[in-house]
Amino acid sequence: MEMRELGRSGIRVPGLCFGGNIFGWTVDEGRSFELLDALVGSGFNFIDTADVYSKWVPGHVGGESETIIGKWMKARGNRGKIVLATKCGMELSPEKKGLSKKYILQAIDSSLSRLQTDYVDLYQAHKDDPGVPLEETMDAFTQVVKAGKAKAIGASNYSGSRLAEALRLSERHGLVRFECLQPHYNLYERTEYERELEPVCVENGLGVIPYFALAAGFLTGKYRSEADLGKSARGGGMRKYLNPRGMAILAALDEVAGAHKVTPAQVAIAWLMAKPSITAPIASATSLEQLRDLVAATRVKLTAEELGRLEAAG
């Protein structure tokens, strides 16, 4: 399997990252263990989560995903074989949010406790915090890395200008730098990344691990009309894609998928993996069948003509 370096961190990852937002939300602990076992059994070891997963579920407080992953790693004794990424900054409570130094140093320890490990491979700012000076945030991340609690740091949901500013500041003050960006990017959601973020990432040699690689499920082709919206817990969020552009993208996915005898989801993932600036798209699966689909996507090789057909539709 082709392994790719995450920015300049020295961390090598496969071309697909498994999204852990589903653990404790749409899949319970038992199914989570099955999926993680199958993921590793297929040769993949890159898992992304966050402290806020899955606070949005009634009765949850956040940390549910990290807790399940921690239990699984302890049960399997495989921490050293896993590339583990988590995030901080989203609101867990009025006192637990943002990117102040005090909170970052508190949040990493809480995450490590739930994950039952003494380090993560990648620790990410889940979103920018304009209320805290960037230097304070980067200094805190530097302390996290120097303490051995993270091997590298990354950013998610930053604008291109703020990402570039953070990189300049780190260089100027000798602080650790963001080695990775986690943006919202897929065949439907392209504008912000391609116009603002991709140039910064390419110029500075950042790894890129986009989330919602399948547009929360729309690019699987499962949702093609209003009647399909009730198919899953995420279905209501698909309405915004049910427009002429969305249908044109699905038609292009169907066409290319038919030529390769694969699924639209596999083509959507393969398109991302073919982008030179992308390190590893993040995608989730709630069943073993869906997981096999994701793994198979890493073997799909699209032609230049097919890549152009997909991009023209979007």
C-alpha atoms as a PDB file:
ATOM      1  CA  MET A   1       0.000   0.000   0.000  1.00  0.00           C
ATOM      2  CA  GLU A   2       1.169   3.489  -0.867  1.00  0.00           C
ATOM      3  CA  MET A   3       2.034   5.485   2.246  1.00  0.00           C
ATOM      4  CA  ARG A   4       2.147   9.275   2.251  1.00  0.00           C
ATOM      5  CA  GLU A   5       3.913  11.671   4.596  1.00  0.00           C
ATOM      6  CA  LEU A   6       1.667  13.972   6.599  1.00  0.00           C
ATOM      7  CA  GLY A   7       3.158  17.359   5.750  1.00  0.00           C
ATOM      8  CA  ARG A   8       6.763  17.435   6.942  1.00  0.00           C
ATOM      9  CA  SER A   9       5.976  15.617  10.188  1.00  0.00           C
ATOM     10  CA  GLY A  10       7.667  12.333   9.342  1.00  0.00           C
ATOM     11  CA  ILE A  11       4.347  10.582  10.068  1.00  0.00           C
ATOM     12  CA  ARG A  12       3.396   8.238   7.245  1.00  0.00           C
ATOM     13  CA  VAL A  13      -0.231   7.387   6.610  1.00  0.00           C
ATOM     14  CA  PRO A  14      -2.246   5.353   4.107  1.00  0.00           C
ATOM     15  CA  GLY A  15      -4.301   7.196   1.514  1.00  0.00           C
ATOM     16  CA  LEU A  16      -7.535   6.886   3.482  1.00  0.00           C
ATOM     17  CA  CYS A  17      -8.396   8.057   7.002  1.00  0.00           C
ATOM     18  CA  PHE A  18     -11.319   6.580   8.934  1.00  0.00           C
ATOM     19  CA  GLY A  19     -13.600   9.198  10.491  1.00  0.00           C
ATOM     20  CA  GLY A  20     -14.454   8.445  14.108  1.00  0.00           C
ATOM     21  CA  ASN A  21     -17.415  10.808  14.499  1.00  0.00           C
ATOM     22  CA  ILE A  22     -19.781   7.832  14.168  1.00  0.00           C
ATOM     23  CA  PHE A  23     -18.462   5.954  17.225  1.00  0.00           C
ATOM     24  CA  GLY A  24     -21.029   6.195  20.002  1.00  0.00           C
ATOM     25  CA  TRP A  25     -23.436   7.980  17.662  1.00  0.00           C
ATOM     26  CA  THR A  26     -24.665   5.965  14.680  1.00  0.00           C
ATOM     27  CA  VAL A  27     -22.781   2.830  15.763  1.00  0.00           C
ATOM     28  CA  ASP A  28     -22.556   1.444  19.290  1.00  0.00           C
ATOM     29  CA  GLU A  29     -19.411   0.216  21.019  1.00  0.00           C
ATOM     30  CA  GLY A  30     -19.711  -3.353  19.761  1.00  0.00           C
ATOM     31  CA  ARG A  31     -20.125  -2.356  16.121  1.00  0.00           C
ATOM     32  CA  SER A  32     -17.352   0.232  16.525  1.00  0.00           C
ATOM     33  CA  PHE A  33     -14.964  -2.537  17.587  1.00  0.00           C
ATOM     34  CA  GLU A  34     -16.007  -4.639  14.571  1.00  0.00           C
ATOM     35  CA  LEU A  35     -15.390  -1.764  12.182  1.00  0.00           C
ATOM     36  CA  LEU A  36     -12.024  -0.891  13.711  1.00  0.00           C
ATOM     37  CA  ASP A  37     -10.928  -4.538  13.630  1.00  0.00           C
ATOM     38  CA  ALA A  38     -11.931  -4.771   9.972  1.00  0.00           C
ATOM     39  CA  LEU A  39     -10.168  -1.501   9.164  1.00  0.00           C
ATOM     40  CA  VAL A  40      -6.874  -2.714  10.611  1.00  0.00           C
ATOM     41  CA  GLY A  41      -7.400  -6.135   9.061  1.00  0.00           C
ATOM     42  CA  SER A  42      -7.583  -4.416   5.669  1.00  0.00           C
ATOM     43  CA  GLY A  43      -4.203  -2.770   6.201  1.00  0.00           C
ATOM     44  CA  PHE A  44      -5.386   0.711   7.251  1.00  0.00           C
ATOM     45  CA  ASN A  45      -4.443   2.364  10.528  1.00  0.00           C
ATOM     46  CA  PHE A  46      -5.251   6.094  10.321  1.00  0.00           C
ATOM     47  CA  ILE A  47      -8.150   7.183  12.568  1.00  0.00           C
ATOM     48  CA  ASP A  48      -9.454  10.716  13.130  1.00  0.00           C
ATOM     49  CA  THR A  49     -11.686  11.761  16.018  1.00  0.00           C
ATOM     50  CA  ALA A  50     -12.342  14.801  18.241  1.00  0.00           C
ATOM     51  CA  ASP A  51     -13.195  15.555  21.839  1.00  0.00           C
ATOM     52  CA  VAL A  52     -16.584  16.966  20.819  1.00  0.00           C
ATOM     53  CA  TYR A  53     -17.762  13.693  19.199  1.00  0.00           C
ATOM     54  CA  SER A  54     -20.659  13.101  19.859  1.00  0.00           C
ATOM     55  CA  LYS A  55     -21.915  15.911  22.078  1.00  0.00           C
ATOM     56  CA  TRP A  56     -24.850  16.591  19.737  1.00  0.00           C
ATOM     57  CA  VAL A  57     -26.549  13.322  20.728  1.00  0.00           C
ATOM     58  CA  PRO A  58     -29.120  13.807  23.516  1.00  0.00           C
ATOM     59  CA  GLY A  59     -27.560  12.753  26.810  1.00  0.00           C
ATOM     60  CA  HIS A  60     -23.985  12.898  25.517  1.00  0.00           C
ATOM     61  CA  VAL A  61     -21.357  15.294  26.821  1.00  0.00           C
ATOM     62  CA  GLY A  62     -18.571  14.781  24.261  1.00  0.00           C
ATOM     63  CA  GLY A  63     -15.669  12.353  24.411  1.00  0.00           C
ATOM     64  CA  GLU A  64     -17.790   9.331  23.505  1.00  0.00           C
ATOM     65  CA  SER A  65     -15.834   8.571  20.330  1.00  0.00           C
ATOM     66  CA  GLU A  66     -12.438   8.962  22.014  1.00  0.00           C
ATOM     67  CA  THR A  67     -13.575   6.696  24.854  1.00  0.00           C
ATOM     68  CA  ILE A  68     -14.580   3.904  22.474  1.00  0.00           C
ATOM     69  CA  ILE A  69     -11.323   4.165  20.515  1.00  0.00           C
ATOM     70  CA  GLY A  70      -9.367   4.096  23.768  1.00  0.00           C
ATOM     71  CA  LYS A  71     -11.162   0.967  24.952  1.00  0.00           C
ATOM     72  CA  TRP A  72     -10.570  -0.712  21.607  1.00  0.00           C
ATOM     73  CA  MET A  73      -6.834   0.072  21.521  1.00  0.00           C
ATOM     74  CA  LYS A  74      -6.419  -1.164  25.091  1.00  0.00           C
ATOM     75  CA  ALA A  75      -8.328  -4.365  24.366  1.00  0.00           C
ATOM     76  CA  ARG A  76      -6.297  -5.054  21.228  1.00  0.00           C
ATOM     77  CA  GLY A  77      -2.947  -3.828  22.561  1.00  0.00           C
ATOM     78  CA  ASN A  78      -2.269  -2.092  19.268  1.00  0.00           C
ATOM     79  CA  ARG A  79      -1.655   1.573  20.122  1.00  0.00           C
ATOM     80  CA  GLY A  80       1.797   1.546  18.529  1.00  0.00           C
ATOM     81  CA  LYS A  81       0.339   0.416  15.203  1.00  0.00           C
ATOM     82  CA  ILE A  82      -2.311   3.140  14.982  1.00  0.00           C
ATOM     83  CA  VAL A  83      -1.907   6.671  13.603  1.00  0.00           C
ATOM     84  CA  LEU A  84      -4.288   8.530  15.877  1.00  0.00           C
ATOM     85  CA  ALA A  85      -5.607  12.053  15.329  1.00  0.00           C
ATOM     86  CA  THR A  86      -7.919  14.061  17.545  1.00  0.00           C
ATOM     87  CA  LYS A  87      -9.040  17.671  17.864  1.00  0.00           C
ATOM     88  CA  CYS A  88      -9.922  20.340  20.422  1.00  0.00           C
ATOM     89  CA  GLY A  89     -11.583  23.741  20.409  1.00  0.00           C
ATOM     90  CA  MET A  90     -15.258  23.064  19.815  1.00  0.00           C
ATOM     91  CA  GLU A  91     -17.520  23.855  22.761  1.00  0.00           C
ATOM     92  CA  LEU A  92     -18.006  21.046  25.260  1.00  0.00           C
ATOM     93  CA  SER A  93     -19.390  23.433  27.873  1.00  0.00           C
ATOM     94  CA  PRO A  94     -19.215  27.205  28.457  1.00  0.00           C
ATOM     95  CA  GLU A  95     -15.892  26.686  30.275  1.00  0.00           C
ATOM     96  CA  LYS A  96     -14.510  24.104  27.847  1.00  0.00           C
ATOM     97  CA  LYS A  97     -14.001  25.625  24.429  1.00  0.00           C
ATOM     98  CA  GLY A  98     -11.614  27.667  22.312  1.00  0.00           C
ATOM     99  CA  LEU A  99      -7.864  27.744  21.791  1.00  0.00           C
ATOM    100  CA  SER A 100      -6.443  29.540  24.820  1.00  0.00           C
ATOM    101  CA  LYS A 101      -3.237  28.099  26.213  1.00  0.00           C
ATOM    102  CA  LYS A 102      -4.945  27.134  29.456  1.00  0.00           C
ATOM    103  CA  TYR A 103      -7.706  25.246  27.691  1.00  0.00           C
ATOM    104  CA  ILE A 104      -5.495  23.466  25.119  1.00  0.00           C
ATOM    105  CA  LEU A 105      -3.250  22.134  27.884  1.00  0.00           C
ATOM    106  CA  GLN A 106      -6.319  20.934  29.748  1.00  0.00           C
ATOM    107  CA  ALA A 107      -8.026  19.488  26.670  1.00  0.00           C
ATOM    108  CA  ILE A 108      -5.075  17.371  25.531  1.00  0.00           C
ATOM    109  CA  ASP A 109      -4.853  15.698  28.933  1.00  0.00           C
ATOM    110  CA  SER A 110      -8.583  14.968  28.905  1.00  0.00           C
ATOM    111  CA  SER A 111      -8.344  13.457  25.420  1.00  0.00           C
ATOM    112  CA  LEU A 112      -5.353  11.315  26.358  1.00  0.00           C
ATOM    113  CA  SER A 113      -7.224  10.029  29.395  1.00  0.00           C
ATOM    114  CA  ARG A 114     -10.225   8.984  27.316  1.00  0.00           C
ATOM    115  CA  LEU A 115      -7.992   7.477  24.623  1.00  0.00           C
ATOM    116  CA  GLN A 116      -5.984   5.599  27.280  1.00  0.00           C
ATOM    117  CA  THR A 117      -2.674   6.642  25.741  1.00  0.00           C
ATOM    118  CA  ASP A 118       0.117   9.063  26.567  1.00  0.00           C
ATOM    119  CA  TYR A 119       0.291  10.656  23.112  1.00  0.00           C
ATOM    120  CA  VAL A 120      -1.591  11.261  19.885  1.00  0.00           C
ATOM    121  CA  ASP A 121       0.093  11.361  16.510  1.00  0.00           C
ATOM    122  CA  LEU A 122      -1.799  14.434  15.324  1.00  0.00           C
ATOM    123  CA  TYR A 123      -3.458  17.054  17.553  1.00  0.00           C
ATOM    124  CA  GLN A 124      -5.622  19.546  15.708  1.00  0.00           C
ATOM    125  CA  ALA A 125      -7.355  22.857  16.333  1.00  0.00           C
ATOM    126  CA  HIS A 126     -10.942  21.966  15.422  1.00  0.00           C
ATOM    127  CA  LYS A 127     -11.720  25.531  14.380  1.00  0.00           C
ATOM    128  CA  ASP A 128     -10.058  28.916  14.524  1.00  0.00           C
ATOM    129  CA  ASP A 129     -10.489  31.015  17.668  1.00  0.00           C
ATOM    130  CA  PRO A 130     -10.189  34.686  16.685  1.00  0.00           C
ATOM    131  CA  GLY A 131     -10.626  35.690  20.333  1.00  0.00           C
ATOM    132  CA  VAL A 132      -7.207  34.278  21.269  1.00  0.00           C
ATOM    133  CA  PRO A 133      -3.902  35.589  19.847  1.00  0.00           C
ATOM    134  CA  LEU A 134      -2.435  33.099  17.377  1.00  0.00           C
ATOM    135  CA  GLU A 135       0.889  33.257  19.179  1.00  0.00           C
ATOM    136  CA  GLU A 136      -0.743  32.048  22.398  1.00  0.00           C
ATOM    137  CA  THR A 137      -2.399  29.160  20.576  1.00  0.00           C
ATOM    138  CA  MET A 138       0.763  28.115  18.752  1.00  0.00           C
ATOM    139  CA  ASP A 139       2.805  28.398  21.945  1.00  0.00           C
ATOM    140  CA  ALA A 140       0.365  26.051  23.664  1.00  0.00           C
ATOM    141  CA  PHE A 141       0.609  23.533  20.827  1.00  0.00           C
ATOM    142  CA  THR A 142       4.391  23.820  21.034  1.00  0.00           C
ATOM    143  CA  GLN A 143       4.216  22.867  24.706  1.00  0.00           C
ATOM    144  CA  VAL A 144       2.021  19.887  23.839  1.00  0.00           C
ATOM    145  CA  VAL A 145       4.555  18.629  21.296  1.00  0.00           C
ATOM    146  CA  LYS A 146       7.588  19.284  23.524  1.00  0.00           C
ATOM    147  CA  ALA A 147       5.892  17.350  26.329  1.00  0.00           C
ATOM    148  CA  GLY A 148       5.571  14.364  24.000  1.00  0.00           C
ATOM    149  CA  LYS A 149       1.776  14.450  24.089  1.00  0.00           C
ATOM    150  CA  ALA A 150       1.509  14.903  20.315  1.00  0.00           C
ATOM    151  CA  LYS A 151       3.903  14.196  17.478  1.00  0.00           C
ATOM    152  CA  ALA A 152       2.502  16.916  15.232  1.00  0.00           C
ATOM    153  CA  ILE A 153      -0.256  19.500  15.121  1.00  0.00           C
ATOM    154  CA  GLY A 154      -2.820  20.452  12.538  1.00  0.00           C
ATOM    155  CA  ALA A 155      -5.645  22.884  11.819  1.00  0.00           C
ATOM    156  CA  SER A 156      -9.245  22.377  10.757  1.00  0.00           C
ATOM    157  CA  ASN A 157     -11.775  24.912   9.491  1.00  0.00           C
ATOM    158  CA  TYR A 158      -9.242  27.748   9.168  1.00  0.00           C
ATOM    159  CA  SER A 159      -9.429  30.376   6.439  1.00  0.00           C
ATOM    160  CA  GLY A 160      -6.542  30.600   4.021  1.00  0.00           C
ATOM    161  CA  SER A 161      -5.396  33.913   5.458  1.00  0.00           C
ATOM    162  CA  ARG A 162      -5.419  32.711   9.082  1.00  0.00           C
ATOM    163  CA  LEU A 163      -3.652  29.496   8.159  1.00  0.00           C
ATOM    164  CA  ALA A 164      -0.923  31.437   6.357  1.00  0.00           C
ATOM    165  CA  GLU A 165      -0.630  33.856   9.284  1.00  0.00           C
ATOM    166  CA  ALA A 166      -0.221  30.975  11.751  1.00  0.00           C
ATOM    167  CA  LEU A 167       2.511  29.425   9.602  1.00  0.00           C
ATOM    168  CA  ARG A 168       4.400  32.728   9.367  1.00  0.00           C
ATOM    169  CA  LEU A 169       4.123  33.265  13.105  1.00  0.00           C
ATOM    170  CA  SER A 170       5.448  29.788  13.900  1.00  0.00           C
ATOM    171  CA  GLU A 171       8.451  30.341  11.660  1.00  0.00           C
ATOM    172  CA  ARG A 172       9.138  33.784  13.065  1.00  0.00           C
ATOM    173  CA  HIS A 173       8.982  32.714  16.715  1.00  0.00           C
ATOM    174  CA  GLY A 174      10.459  29.236  16.445  1.00  0.00           C
ATOM    175  CA  LEU A 175       7.192  27.515  17.389  1.00  0.00           C
ATOM    176  CA  VAL A 176       5.845  24.229  16.065  1.00  0.00           C
ATOM    177  CA  ARG A 177       3.851  24.706  12.899  1.00  0.00           C
ATOM    178  CA  PHE A 178       0.672  23.233  11.552  1.00  0.00           C
ATOM    179  CA  GLU A 179       1.722  20.224   9.480  1.00  0.00           C
ATOM    180  CA  CYS A 180      -1.755  19.378   8.314  1.00  0.00           C
ATOM    181  CA  LEU A 181      -5.061  20.953   7.328  1.00  0.00           C
ATOM    182  CA  GLN A 182      -8.445  19.276   7.685  1.00  0.00           C
ATOM    183  CA  PRO A 183     -10.833  21.209   5.417  1.00  0.00           C
ATOM    184  CA  HIS A 184     -14.374  20.581   4.204  1.00  0.00           C
ATOM    185  CA  TYR A 185     -13.705  19.361   0.680  1.00  0.00           C
ATOM    186  CA  ASN A 186     -15.300  16.937  -1.733  1.00  0.00           C
ATOM    187  CA  LEU A 187     -16.537  16.773  -5.308  1.00  0.00           C
ATOM    188  CA  TYR A 188     -19.482  19.035  -4.444  1.00  0.00           C
ATOM    189  CA  GLU A 189     -17.834  21.407  -1.917  1.00  0.00           C
ATOM    190  CA  ARG A 190     -14.792  22.696  -3.787  1.00  0.00           C
ATOM    191  CA  THR A 191     -14.604  26.486  -3.951  1.00  0.00           C
ATOM    192  CA  GLU A 192     -13.130  27.482  -0.588  1.00  0.00           C
ATOM    193  CA  TYR A 193     -10.435  24.833  -0.563  1.00  0.00           C
ATOM    194  CA  GLU A 194      -9.338  25.230  -4.171  1.00  0.00           C
ATOM    195  CA  ARG A 195      -9.303  29.042  -4.157  1.00  0.00           C
ATOM    196  CA  GLU A 196      -8.063  29.913  -0.664  1.00  0.00           C
ATOM    197  CA  LEU A 197      -6.592  26.915   1.107  1.00  0.00           C
ATOM    198  CA  GLU A 198      -4.916  24.703  -1.469  1.00  0.00           C
ATOM    199  CA  PRO A 199      -2.367  27.357  -2.519  1.00  0.00           C
ATOM    200  CA  VAL A 200      -1.276  27.831   1.119  1.00  0.00           C
ATOM    201  CA  CYS A 201      -1.002  24.070   1.680  1.00  0.00           C
ATOM    202  CA  VAL A 202       1.001  23.457  -1.492  1.00  0.00           C
ATOM    203  CA  GLU A 203       3.353  26.390  -0.891  1.00  0.00           C
ATOM    204  CA  ASN A 204       4.090  25.279   2.679  1.00  0.00           C
ATOM    205  CA  GLY A 205       4.103  21.520   2.179  1.00  0.00           C
ATOM    206  CA  LEU A 206       1.120  20.792   4.424  1.00  0.00           C
ATOM    207  CA  GLY A 207      -0.690  17.491   4.481  1.00  0.00           C
ATOM    208  CA  VAL A 208      -4.413  17.681   3.719  1.00  0.00           C
ATOM    209  CA  ILE A 209      -7.040  15.317   5.144  1.00  0.00           C
ATOM    210  CA  PRO A 210     -10.454  16.595   3.999  1.00  0.00           C
ATOM    211  CA  TYR A 211     -13.571  15.699   5.952  1.00  0.00           C
ATOM    212  CA  PHE A 212     -17.014  14.941   4.511  1.00  0.00           C
ATOM    213  CA  ALA A 213     -15.253  13.249   1.598  1.00  0.00           C
ATOM    214  CA  LEU A 214     -18.631  11.832   0.565  1.00  0.00           C
ATOM    215  CA  ALA A 215     -20.601  15.007   1.372  1.00  0.00           C
ATOM    216  CA  ALA A 216     -22.072  13.278   4.446  1.00  0.00           C
ATOM    217  CA  GLY A 217     -23.329  10.483   2.189  1.00  0.00           C
ATOM    218  CA  PHE A 218     -24.736  12.400  -0.785  1.00  0.00           C
ATOM    219  CA  LEU A 219     -21.933  11.282  -3.112  1.00  0.00           C
ATOM    220  CA  THR A 220     -22.779   7.634  -2.468  1.00  0.00           C
ATOM    221  CA  GLY A 221     -25.829   8.155  -4.675  1.00  0.00           C
ATOM    222  CA  LYS A 222     -28.133   7.084  -1.881  1.00  0.00           C
ATOM    223  CA  TYR A 223     -30.049  10.365  -1.862  1.00  0.00           C
ATOM    224  CA  ARG A 224     -31.529  11.359  -5.221  1.00  0.00           C
ATOM    225  CA  SER A 225     -34.928  12.787  -4.300  1.00  0.00           C
ATOM    226  CA  GLU A 226     -36.928  14.149  -1.380  1.00  0.00           C
ATOM    227  CA  ALA A 227     -38.270  10.639  -0.861  1.00  0.00           C
ATOM    228  CA  ASP A 228     -34.761   9.411  -0.008  1.00  0.00           C
ATOM    229  CA  LEU A 229     -34.138  11.846   2.845  1.00  0.00           C
ATOM    230  CA  GLY A 230     -35.579   9.514   5.460  1.00  0.00           C
ATOM    231  CA  LYS A 231     -33.047   6.769   4.720  1.00  0.00           C
ATOM    232  CA  SER A 232     -30.701   7.722   7.568  1.00  0.00           C
ATOM    233  CA  ALA A 233     -30.120  10.059  10.505  1.00  0.00           C
ATOM    234  CA  ARG A 234     -28.161  12.322   8.164  1.00  0.00           C
ATOM    235  CA  GLY A 235     -30.788  12.343   5.433  1.00  0.00           C
ATOM    236  CA  GLY A 236     -32.279  15.699   6.344  1.00  0.00           C
ATOM    237  CA  GLY A 237     -28.965  17.386   5.576  1.00  0.00           C
ATOM    238  CA  MET A 238     -29.027  16.119   1.991  1.00  0.00           C
ATOM    239  CA  ARG A 239     -31.745  18.496   0.826  1.00  0.00           C
ATOM    240  CA  LYS A 240     -29.212  21.219  -0.012  1.00  0.00           C
ATOM    241  CA  TYR A 241     -27.590  18.918  -2.583  1.00  0.00           C
ATOM    242  CA  LEU A 242     -30.821  18.080  -4.431  1.00  0.00           C
ATOM    243  CA  ASN A 243     -30.336  20.644  -7.178  1.00  0.00           C
ATOM    244  CA  PRO A 244     -29.242  20.553 -10.839  1.00  0.00           C
ATOM    245  CA  ARG A 245     -25.562  20.736  -9.925  1.00  0.00           C
ATOM    246  CA  GLY A 246     -25.884  17.898  -7.435  1.00  0.00           C
ATOM    247  CA  MET A 247     -27.722  15.751  -9.964  1.00  0.00           C
ATOM    248  CA  ALA A 248     -25.064  16.479 -12.597  1.00  0.00           C
ATOM    249  CA  ILE A 249     -22.343  15.328 -10.204  1.00  0.00           C
ATOM    250  CA  LEU A 250     -24.241  12.121  -9.431  1.00  0.00           C
ATOM    251  CA  ALA A 251     -24.709  11.485 -13.153  1.00  0.00           C
ATOM    252  CA  ALA A 252     -20.953  11.857 -13.727  1.00  0.00           C
ATOM    253  CA  LEU A 253     -20.206   9.571 -10.781  1.00  0.00           C
ATOM    254  CA  ASP A 254     -22.637   6.986 -12.160  1.00  0.00           C
ATOM    255  CA  GLU A 255     -20.996   7.133 -15.572  1.00  0.00           C
ATOM    256  CA  VAL A 256     -17.441   6.706 -14.279  1.00  0.00           C
ATOM    257  CA  ALA A 257     -18.491   4.097 -11.728  1.00  0.00           C
ATOM    258  CA  GLY A 258     -20.160   2.074 -14.471  1.00  0.00           C
ATOM    259  CA  ALA A 259     -17.003   2.111 -16.558  1.00  0.00           C
ATOM    260  CA  HIS A 260     -14.963   0.768 -13.636  1.00  0.00           C
ATOM    261  CA  LYS A 261     -17.728  -1.521 -12.303  1.00  0.00           C
ATOM    262  CA  VAL A 262     -17.486   0.135  -8.876  1.00  0.00           C
ATOM    263  CA  THR A 263     -19.798   2.328  -6.787  1.00  0.00           C
ATOM    264  CA  PRO A 264     -20.223   6.118  -6.977  1.00  0.00           C
ATOM    265  CA  ALA A 265     -18.769   6.369  -3.449  1.00  0.00           C
ATOM    266  CA  GLN A 266     -15.575   4.646  -4.574  1.00  0.00           C
ATOM    267  CA  VAL A 267     -15.212   7.061  -7.478  1.00  0.00           C
ATOM    268  CA  ALA A 268     -15.769  10.087  -5.222  1.00  0.00           C
ATOM    269  CA  ILE A 269     -13.025   8.876  -2.879  1.00  0.00           C
ATOM    270  CA  ALA A 270     -10.721   7.997  -5.789  1.00  0.00           C
ATOM    271  CA  TRP A 271     -11.184  11.518  -7.191  1.00  0.00           C
ATOM    272  CA  LEU A 272      -9.970  13.027  -3.915  1.00  0.00           C
ATOM    273  CA  MET A 273      -7.036  10.614  -3.677  1.00  0.00           C
ATOM    274  CA  ALA A 274      -5.973  11.599  -7.196  1.00  0.00           C
ATOM    275  CA  LYS A 275      -5.665  15.280  -6.257  1.00  0.00           C
ATOM    276  CA  PRO A 276      -1.927  16.028  -5.813  1.00  0.00           C
ATOM    277  CA  SER A 277      -2.475  18.201  -2.736  1.00  0.00           C
ATOM    278  CA  ILE A 278      -4.575  15.625  -0.858  1.00  0.00           C
ATOM    279  CA  THR A 279      -2.879  13.267   1.588  1.00  0.00           C
ATOM    280  CA  ALA A 280      -5.818  11.164   2.764  1.00  0.00           C
ATOM    281  CA  PRO A 281      -9.550  11.865   2.564  1.00  0.00           C
ATOM    282  CA  ILE A 282     -11.559  11.122   5.704  1.00  0.00           C
ATOM    283  CA  ALA A 283     -14.622   8.924   5.349  1.00  0.00           C
ATOM    284  CA  SER A 284     -16.749   6.855   7.701  1.00  0.00           C
ATOM    285  CA  ALA A 285     -18.632   3.582   7.429  1.00  0.00           C
ATOM    286  CA  THR A 286     -21.370   2.232   9.658  1.00  0.00           C
ATOM    287  CA  SER A 287     -21.332  -1.318   8.284  1.00  0.00           C
ATOM    288  CA  LEU A 288     -18.693  -3.803   7.176  1.00  0.00           C
ATOM    289  CA  GLU A 289     -20.096  -3.589   3.657  1.00  0.00           C
ATOM    290  CA  GLN A 290     -19.576   0.179   3.587  1.00  0.00           C
ATOM    291  CA  LEU A 291     -16.070  -0.259   4.973  1.00  0.00           C
ATOM    292  CA  ARG A 292     -15.185  -2.722   2.220  1.00  0.00           C
ATOM    293  CA  ASP A 293     -16.451  -0.108  -0.248  1.00  0.00           C
ATOM    294  CA  LEU A 294     -14.104   2.509   1.196  1.00  0.00           C
ATOM    295  CA  VAL A 295     -11.112   0.189   1.158  1.00  0.00           C
ATOM    296  CA  ALA A 296     -11.849  -0.783  -2.447  1.00  0.00           C
ATOM    297  CA  ALA A 297     -11.915   2.896  -3.383  1.00  0.00           C
ATOM    298  CA  THR A 298      -8.187   3.134  -2.722  1.00  0.00           C
ATOM    299  CA  ARG A 299      -7.603   0.729  -5.628  1.00  0.00           C
ATOM    300  CA  VAL A 300      -9.605   2.702  -8.197  1.00  0.00           C
ATOM    301  CA  LYS A 301      -7.385   4.565 -10.650  1.00  0.00           C
ATOM    302  CA  LEU A 302      -9.145   7.239 -12.668  1.00  0.00           C
ATOM    303  CA  THR A 303      -7.968   8.458 -16.067  1.00  0.00           C
ATOM    304  CA  ALA A 304      -7.288  12.108 -16.788  1.00  0.00           C
ATOM    305  CA  GLU A 305     -10.407  12.164 -18.950  1.00  0.00           C
ATOM    306  CA  GLU A 306     -12.524  10.755 -16.110  1.00  0.00           C
ATOM    307  CA  LEU A 307     -11.120  13.249 -13.628  1.00  0.00           C
ATOM    308  CA  GLY A 308     -11.985  16.034 -16.044  1.00  0.00           C
ATOM    309  CA  ARG A 309     -15.504  14.684 -16.549  1.00  0.00           C
ATOM    310  CA  LEU A 310     -16.111  14.663 -12.796  1.00  0.00           C
ATOM    311  CA  GLU A 311     -14.733  18.168 -12.285  1.00  0.00           C
ATOM    312  CA  ALA A 312     -16.701  19.594 -15.195  1.00  0.00           C
ATOM    313  CA  ALA A 313     -19.906  18.338 -13.604  1.00  0.00           C
ATOM    314  CA  GLY A 314     -19.137  20.097 -10.354  1.00  0.00           C
END
